[in-house]
């Protein structure tokens, strides 16, 4: 399951950076984005996405809520 998450985040990162790279190149220069520049942006996004997925998969939910204590819940009907 962990490997699937890493691959999914790598693909999402690659697609996002592919789009962002194409947009940045189109807005900042008169030239059309080349496939080499788009591929390098997608590769960078894939690496970043996989790294983020790997780092977050090693953390558990208890790491985020350590030190948090929930208030005691009252149970039962009120007394008058």
C-alpha atoms as a PDB file:
ATOM      1  CA  UNK A   1       0.000   0.000   0.000  1.00  0.00           C
ATOM      2  CA  UNK A   2       2.864   2.387   0.757  1.00  0.00           C
ATOM      3  CA  UNK A   3       4.378   1.916  -2.696  1.00  0.00           C
ATOM      4  CA  UNK A   4       1.018   2.676  -4.312  1.00  0.00           C
ATOM      5  CA  UNK A   5       0.797   5.968  -2.432  1.00  0.00           C
ATOM      6  CA  UNK A   6       4.310   6.937  -3.508  1.00  0.00           C
ATOM      7  CA  UNK A   7       3.539   6.160  -7.160  1.00  0.00           C
ATOM      8  CA  UNK A   8       0.227   8.052  -7.038  1.00  0.00           C
ATOM      9  CA  UNK A   9       1.843  11.146  -5.525  1.00  0.00           C
ATOM     10  CA  UNK A  10       4.701  10.933  -8.039  1.00  0.00           C
ATOM     11  CA  UNK A  11       2.235  10.872 -10.927  1.00  0.00           C
ATOM     12  CA  UNK A  12       0.192  13.727  -9.496  1.00  0.00           C
ATOM     13  CA  UNK A  13       3.341  15.773  -8.936  1.00  0.00           C
ATOM     14  CA  UNK A  14       4.559  15.044 -12.459  1.00  0.00           C
ATOM     15  CA  UNK A  15       1.284  16.108 -14.052  1.00  0.00           C
ATOM     16  CA  UNK A  16       1.060  19.271 -11.953  1.00  0.00           C
ATOM     17  CA  UNK A  17       4.619  20.335 -12.712  1.00  0.00           C
ATOM     18  CA  UNK A  18       4.141  19.495 -16.407  1.00  0.00           C
ATOM     19  CA  UNK A  19       1.257  21.962 -16.528  1.00  0.00           C
ATOM     20  CA  UNK A  20       2.996  24.589 -14.397  1.00  0.00           C
ATOM     21  CA  UNK A  21       6.202  24.385 -16.410  1.00  0.00           C
ATOM     22  CA  UNK A  22       4.315  24.813 -19.680  1.00  0.00           C
ATOM     23  CA  UNK A  23       2.427  27.782 -18.289  1.00  0.00           C
ATOM     24  CA  UNK A  24       5.510  29.505 -16.922  1.00  0.00           C
ATOM     25  CA  UNK A  25       7.447  29.053 -20.146  1.00  0.00           C
ATOM     26  CA  UNK A  26       4.522  30.314 -22.227  1.00  0.00           C
ATOM     27  CA  UNK A  27       4.044  33.405 -20.062  1.00  0.00           C
ATOM     28  CA  UNK A  28       7.698  34.364 -19.663  1.00  0.00           C
ATOM     29  CA  UNK A  29       8.954  33.888 -23.204  1.00  0.00           C
ATOM     30  CA  UNK A  30       7.746  34.262 -26.758  1.00  0.00           C
ATOM     31  CA  UNK A  31       8.629  30.649 -27.570  1.00  0.00           C
ATOM     32  CA  UNK A  32       6.478  27.581 -27.260  1.00  0.00           C
ATOM     33  CA  UNK A  33       7.574  25.193 -24.494  1.00  0.00           C
ATOM     34  CA  UNK A  34       9.752  22.391 -25.786  1.00  0.00           C
ATOM     35  CA  UNK A  35       9.221  18.774 -24.853  1.00  0.00           C
ATOM     36  CA  UNK A  36      12.586  18.660 -23.055  1.00  0.00           C
ATOM     37  CA  UNK A  37      11.628  21.522 -20.726  1.00  0.00           C
ATOM     38  CA  UNK A  38       8.197  20.002 -20.079  1.00  0.00           C
ATOM     39  CA  UNK A  39       9.742  16.601 -19.363  1.00  0.00           C
ATOM     40  CA  UNK A  40      12.248  18.110 -16.939  1.00  0.00           C
ATOM     41  CA  UNK A  41       9.424  19.903 -15.126  1.00  0.00           C
ATOM     42  CA  UNK A  42       7.419  16.679 -14.943  1.00  0.00           C
ATOM     43  CA  UNK A  43      10.437  14.765 -13.652  1.00  0.00           C
ATOM     44  CA  UNK A  44      11.037  17.362 -10.956  1.00  0.00           C
ATOM     45  CA  UNK A  45       7.387  17.242  -9.938  1.00  0.00           C
ATOM     46  CA  UNK A  46       7.432  13.456  -9.807  1.00  0.00           C
ATOM     47  CA  UNK A  47      10.483  13.415  -7.582  1.00  0.00           C
ATOM     48  CA  UNK A  48       9.042  16.042  -5.246  1.00  0.00           C
ATOM     49  CA  UNK A  49       5.678  14.264  -5.098  1.00  0.00           C
ATOM     50  CA  UNK A  50       7.286  10.915  -4.319  1.00  0.00           C
ATOM     51  CA  UNK A  51       9.497  12.464  -1.637  1.00  0.00           C
ATOM     52  CA  UNK A  52       6.549  14.166   0.057  1.00  0.00           C
ATOM     53  CA  UNK A  53       4.533  10.952  -0.049  1.00  0.00           C
ATOM     54  CA  UNK A  54       7.409   8.958   1.430  1.00  0.00           C
ATOM     55  CA  UNK A  55       7.976  11.482   4.222  1.00  0.00           C
ATOM     56  CA  UNK A  56       4.304  11.636   5.175  1.00  0.00           C
ATOM     57  CA  UNK A  57       3.881   7.851   5.055  1.00  0.00           C
ATOM     58  CA  UNK A  58       6.438   7.422   7.829  1.00  0.00           C
ATOM     59  CA  UNK A  59       4.453   9.713  10.109  1.00  0.00           C
ATOM     60  CA  UNK A  60       1.443   8.365  11.922  1.00  0.00           C
ATOM     61  CA  UNK A  61      -1.688  10.161  13.030  1.00  0.00           C
ATOM     62  CA  UNK A  62      -0.431  10.049  16.612  1.00  0.00           C
ATOM     63  CA  UNK A  63       2.535  12.218  15.650  1.00  0.00           C
ATOM     64  CA  UNK A  64       0.190  15.022  14.680  1.00  0.00           C
ATOM     65  CA  UNK A  65      -2.032  14.886  17.759  1.00  0.00           C
ATOM     66  CA  UNK A  66       0.520  14.101  20.439  1.00  0.00           C
ATOM     67  CA  UNK A  67      -0.008  16.347  23.393  1.00  0.00           C
ATOM     68  CA  UNK A  68      -3.662  16.867  22.549  1.00  0.00           C
ATOM     69  CA  UNK A  69      -6.088  15.561  25.138  1.00  0.00           C
ATOM     70  CA  UNK A  70      -9.773  15.465  24.414  1.00  0.00           C
ATOM     71  CA  UNK A  71     -12.137  16.780  27.078  1.00  0.00           C
ATOM     72  CA  UNK A  72     -14.105  14.247  29.090  1.00  0.00           C
ATOM     73  CA  UNK A  73     -17.486  13.562  27.603  1.00  0.00           C
ATOM     74  CA  UNK A  74     -20.582  13.658  29.772  1.00  0.00           C
ATOM     75  CA  UNK A  75     -22.796  10.635  29.418  1.00  0.00           C
ATOM     76  CA  UNK A  76     -26.385  10.189  30.531  1.00  0.00           C
ATOM     77  CA  UNK A  77     -29.463  12.287  31.082  1.00  0.00           C
ATOM     78  CA  UNK A  78     -29.299  15.575  32.965  1.00  0.00           C
ATOM     79  CA  UNK A  79     -30.586  15.618  36.530  1.00  0.00           C
ATOM     80  CA  UNK A  80     -32.862  18.408  37.741  1.00  0.00           C
END
